[in-house]
């Protein structure tokens, strides 16, 4: 069986598993709501950026520390869906060493009546390519609702997360935003979700590690819940 077929099967299983654990049932959205990567989302008091959006499976991802009760909404307060599963093992102000794993994602099952696309505010489609991963020194861009698009280089790759420098900036509200590589075909390939700052460097969790963790978590959600053990080096400053 080809890798493409296996990935398609895994994605379908993930979508079905997420749908099975959503609580409460998917919210009804207002007509005309469009969901896309890089948009502003709100949950309780948290303002964050939506990261990857799958228009086929109708699942979206942001940072786990953006989670809240009730439906996920756009900036006008219109519902776009519900939190399905999350993982967040960072406590603001604690220290994290480079060999420790950072898990920080939230999966959102989108409402049936929202319009969904994969186009970033700058006009590029945000796509997945398992062969494209964060590499030290590689050119990379990040989009957040506060700072917009900023580009620089990968500073260091750690255990499931990486830091950025040389032009990448962030602000409170950028959490969960997509981190990506600009491809020659005019698309953007996601490699991470913005997480925090590690010392002076903006940091993101790896998309590959996050998607693998999401698949594992839907199988243990009923017994392990959404949160993971808290790792205890530079103190991350987590923008909500």
Protein backbone atom coordinates (compact mmCIF):
# COMPACT_ATOMS: atom_id res chain seq x y z
CA UNK A 1 0.00 0.00 0.00
CA UNK A 2 1.45 3.40 -0.98
CA UNK A 3 2.39 6.10 1.53
CA UNK A 4 -0.18 8.43 -0.01
CA UNK A 5 -2.94 5.90 0.61
CA UNK A 6 -1.73 5.29 4.16
CA UNK A 7 -1.70 9.03 4.86
CA UNK A 8 -5.21 9.37 3.47
CA UNK A 9 -6.44 6.54 5.69
CA UNK A 10 -4.74 8.06 8.74
CA UNK A 11 -6.27 11.47 8.03
CA UNK A 12 -9.73 9.94 7.71
CA UNK A 13 -9.32 8.02 10.96
CA UNK A 14 -8.21 11.21 12.71
CA UNK A 15 -11.20 13.13 11.39
CA UNK A 16 -13.67 10.44 12.48
CA UNK A 17 -12.03 10.12 15.89
CA UNK A 18 -12.12 13.87 16.47
CA UNK A 19 -15.77 13.98 15.48
CA UNK A 20 -16.51 11.24 17.99
CA UNK A 21 -14.98 13.12 20.93
CA UNK A 22 -16.36 16.61 20.29
CA UNK A 23 -18.38 17.82 23.26
CA UNK A 24 -20.76 19.61 23.08
CA UNK A 25 -22.13 18.83 19.57
CA UNK A 26 -20.84 21.03 16.78
CA UNK A 27 -22.14 24.56 16.98
CA UNK A 28 -24.29 26.15 14.31
CA UNK A 29 -22.48 29.02 12.62
CA UNK A 30 -23.89 32.23 11.24
CA UNK A 31 -24.29 32.28 7.45
CA UNK A 32 -21.37 33.75 5.57
CA UNK A 33 -18.62 32.84 8.06
CA UNK A 34 -15.38 31.91 6.27
CA UNK A 35 -12.71 29.90 8.11
CA UNK A 36 -9.11 30.12 6.86
CA UNK A 37 -5.53 29.84 8.17
CA UNK A 38 -4.26 33.05 9.71
CA UNK A 39 -7.68 34.31 10.86
CA UNK A 40 -8.36 35.63 14.36
CA UNK A 41 -10.20 33.26 16.67
CA UNK A 42 -11.51 33.67 20.21
CA UNK A 43 -12.26 31.32 23.08
CA UNK A 44 -13.30 32.81 26.41
CA UNK A 45 -10.72 35.57 27.08
CA UNK A 46 -8.15 34.17 24.64
CA UNK A 47 -7.42 35.78 21.27
CA UNK A 48 -5.32 33.60 18.99
CA UNK A 49 -4.52 32.83 15.36
CA UNK A 50 -5.87 29.85 13.47
CA UNK A 51 -3.12 27.67 12.01
CA UNK A 52 -3.71 24.85 9.59
CA UNK A 53 -7.20 24.34 8.10
CA UNK A 54 -8.19 21.20 6.18
CA UNK A 55 -11.10 22.07 3.85
CA UNK A 56 -11.84 18.40 3.11
CA UNK A 57 -11.83 17.00 6.64
CA UNK A 58 -13.13 20.31 8.08
CA UNK A 59 -10.66 20.25 10.95
CA UNK A 60 -8.60 23.27 12.04
CA UNK A 61 -5.65 23.62 14.39
CA UNK A 62 -4.36 26.30 16.75
CA UNK A 63 -2.26 26.39 19.94
CA UNK A 64 -3.44 24.27 22.85
CA UNK A 65 -3.04 27.10 25.34
CA UNK A 66 -5.68 29.02 23.34
CA UNK A 67 -8.37 26.62 24.49
CA UNK A 68 -11.50 27.71 26.33
CA UNK A 69 -15.03 26.67 27.11
CA UNK A 70 -17.90 27.00 24.67
CA UNK A 71 -17.66 27.40 20.91
CA UNK A 72 -14.68 28.77 19.03
CA UNK A 73 -15.61 32.09 17.38
CA UNK A 74 -14.23 34.57 14.88
CA UNK A 75 -13.35 38.16 15.92
CA UNK A 76 -17.02 39.21 15.60
CA UNK A 77 -18.11 36.48 17.99
CA UNK A 78 -19.65 34.25 15.30
CA UNK A 79 -19.24 30.55 16.04
CA UNK A 80 -17.01 28.51 13.72
CA UNK A 81 -16.93 25.18 15.59
CA UNK A 82 -15.95 23.40 18.79
CA UNK A 83 -12.79 22.23 20.48
CA UNK A 84 -12.30 18.51 19.92
CA UNK A 85 -8.99 17.68 21.60
CA UNK A 86 -5.98 19.57 22.89
CA UNK A 87 -2.56 19.10 24.43
CA UNK A 88 -0.63 21.75 26.35
CA UNK A 89 2.27 20.83 28.61
CA UNK A 90 3.72 24.28 29.23
CA UNK A 91 3.10 26.51 32.23
CA UNK A 92 3.84 30.19 31.59
CA UNK A 93 6.97 31.22 33.47
CA UNK A 94 8.46 27.74 33.78
CA UNK A 95 11.74 26.85 32.13
CA UNK A 96 12.02 24.48 29.18
CA UNK A 97 15.22 22.79 28.06
CA UNK A 98 15.99 22.12 24.41
CA UNK A 99 15.88 18.34 24.88
CA UNK A 100 12.36 18.44 26.33
CA UNK A 101 9.23 17.90 24.28
CA UNK A 102 6.76 20.76 23.90
CA UNK A 103 3.20 19.79 23.01
CA UNK A 104 0.82 22.66 22.32
CA UNK A 105 -2.08 22.18 19.95
CA UNK A 106 -5.85 22.28 19.79
CA UNK A 107 -7.93 20.54 17.12
CA UNK A 108 -11.24 22.19 16.22
CA UNK A 109 -14.09 20.42 14.45
CA UNK A 110 -15.61 23.07 12.22
CA UNK A 111 -19.35 23.68 12.06
CA UNK A 112 -21.17 22.18 9.07
CA UNK A 113 -22.35 25.52 7.76
CA UNK A 114 -19.13 27.55 7.70
CA UNK A 115 -17.24 28.08 4.46
CA UNK A 116 -13.73 26.63 4.69
CA UNK A 117 -10.62 27.32 2.63
CA UNK A 118 -6.86 26.86 2.98
CA UNK A 119 -5.77 30.32 1.75
CA UNK A 120 -3.61 32.55 3.93
CA UNK A 121 -4.39 36.29 4.11
CA UNK A 122 -1.53 36.93 1.68
CA UNK A 123 -3.16 34.74 -0.97
CA UNK A 124 -1.06 31.57 -0.77
CA UNK A 125 -2.65 28.18 -0.15
CA UNK A 126 -1.32 26.55 3.01
CA UNK A 127 -0.63 22.88 2.33
CA UNK A 128 0.95 19.84 3.98
CA UNK A 129 4.03 18.09 2.60
CA UNK A 130 5.52 15.47 4.97
CA UNK A 131 8.87 15.83 3.21
CA UNK A 132 9.19 19.51 4.21
CA UNK A 133 10.36 19.91 7.80
CA UNK A 134 12.13 22.57 9.86
CA UNK A 135 15.88 22.65 9.16
CA UNK A 136 18.42 24.94 10.87
CA UNK A 137 19.12 27.97 8.68
CA UNK A 138 16.14 27.36 6.39
CA UNK A 139 14.01 30.31 5.25
CA UNK A 140 10.69 30.37 7.11
CA UNK A 141 7.68 32.65 7.56
CA UNK A 142 5.07 33.05 10.28
CA UNK A 143 1.63 34.65 10.18
CA UNK A 144 -0.10 36.06 13.25
CA UNK A 145 -3.12 38.32 13.62
CA UNK A 146 -1.05 40.87 15.57
CA UNK A 147 2.19 41.03 13.60
CA UNK A 148 1.02 39.83 10.17
CA UNK A 149 3.54 37.92 8.06
CA UNK A 150 7.17 38.01 9.11
CA UNK A 151 9.98 35.95 7.65
CA UNK A 152 13.44 34.88 8.76
CA UNK A 153 15.29 31.64 9.37
CA UNK A 154 15.04 28.57 11.60
CA UNK A 155 17.47 29.18 14.45
CA UNK A 156 17.51 25.75 16.07
CA UNK A 157 15.52 22.51 15.85
CA UNK A 158 14.78 20.85 19.17
CA UNK A 159 12.68 17.90 20.34
CA UNK A 160 9.40 18.42 18.47
CA UNK A 161 9.77 22.22 18.38
CA UNK A 162 12.04 24.84 16.89
CA UNK A 163 13.08 28.46 17.30
CA UNK A 164 13.30 31.24 14.70
CA UNK A 165 15.39 34.40 14.20
CA UNK A 166 16.54 37.03 11.69
CA UNK A 167 13.22 38.75 11.10
CA UNK A 168 10.49 36.52 12.54
CA UNK A 169 8.50 38.49 15.12
CA UNK A 170 5.51 37.76 17.33
CA UNK A 171 2.99 39.42 19.61
CA UNK A 172 0.25 38.53 22.06
CA UNK A 173 -2.49 36.99 19.90
CA UNK A 174 -0.19 35.31 17.37
CA UNK A 175 -0.32 31.96 19.20
CA UNK A 176 -1.39 29.05 17.03
CA UNK A 177 -0.55 30.85 13.81
CA UNK A 178 1.01 28.89 10.94
CA UNK A 179 4.74 28.70 10.40
CA UNK A 180 5.59 27.76 6.85
CA UNK A 181 8.07 27.52 4.01
CA UNK A 182 7.35 29.39 0.77
CA UNK A 183 7.30 26.92 -2.13
CA UNK A 184 8.25 27.62 -5.75
CA UNK A 185 4.72 26.81 -6.93
CA UNK A 186 3.26 29.78 -5.06
CA UNK A 187 1.97 27.75 -2.13
CA UNK A 188 3.08 27.73 1.51
CA UNK A 189 4.01 24.44 3.21
CA UNK A 190 3.23 24.29 6.92
CA UNK A 191 6.05 23.17 9.23
CA UNK A 192 4.77 24.37 12.60
CA UNK A 193 2.27 26.19 14.82
CA UNK A 194 3.48 29.26 16.68
CA UNK A 195 3.81 28.58 20.38
CA UNK A 196 5.72 31.18 22.44
CA UNK A 197 9.10 32.80 22.80
CA UNK A 198 12.09 30.86 24.10
CA UNK A 199 14.43 33.49 25.51
CA UNK A 200 14.68 36.03 22.68
CA UNK A 201 13.60 33.62 19.96
CA UNK A 202 10.04 33.03 18.68
CA UNK A 203 9.25 29.32 18.94
CA UNK A 204 6.87 26.91 17.22
CA UNK A 205 5.84 23.31 17.71
CA UNK A 206 6.64 21.06 14.77
CA UNK A 207 3.69 20.29 12.50
CA UNK A 208 4.91 16.73 12.01
CA UNK A 209 5.15 16.13 15.77
CA UNK A 210 1.80 17.85 16.35
CA UNK A 211 -0.10 15.81 13.77
CA UNK A 212 1.38 12.58 15.12
CA UNK A 213 0.47 13.61 18.66
CA UNK A 214 -3.10 14.42 17.59
CA UNK A 215 -3.52 10.95 16.13
CA UNK A 216 -2.22 9.39 19.33
CA UNK A 217 -4.33 11.60 21.59
CA UNK A 218 -7.67 10.76 20.03
CA UNK A 219 -7.05 7.18 21.06
CA UNK A 220 -6.37 8.02 24.70
CA UNK A 221 -8.59 11.06 25.21
CA UNK A 222 -11.20 9.23 27.27
CA UNK A 223 -8.63 8.03 29.81
CA UNK A 224 -5.87 10.64 29.68
CA UNK A 225 -7.78 13.85 29.05
CA UNK A 226 -6.35 16.75 27.06
CA UNK A 227 -3.31 17.81 29.05
CA UNK A 228 0.12 16.25 29.25
CA UNK A 229 2.77 16.23 32.02
CA UNK A 230 4.41 19.62 32.48
CA UNK A 231 8.09 19.80 31.47
CA UNK A 232 10.28 21.81 33.69
CA UNK A 233 15.64 25.93 31.13
CA UNK A 234 14.74 29.69 29.16
CA UNK A 235 11.25 30.67 30.36
CA UNK A 236 8.60 30.67 27.61
CA UNK A 237 6.40 33.76 27.47
CA UNK A 238 3.11 32.49 26.13
CA UNK A 239 0.94 35.00 24.20
CA UNK A 240 -2.75 34.01 24.38
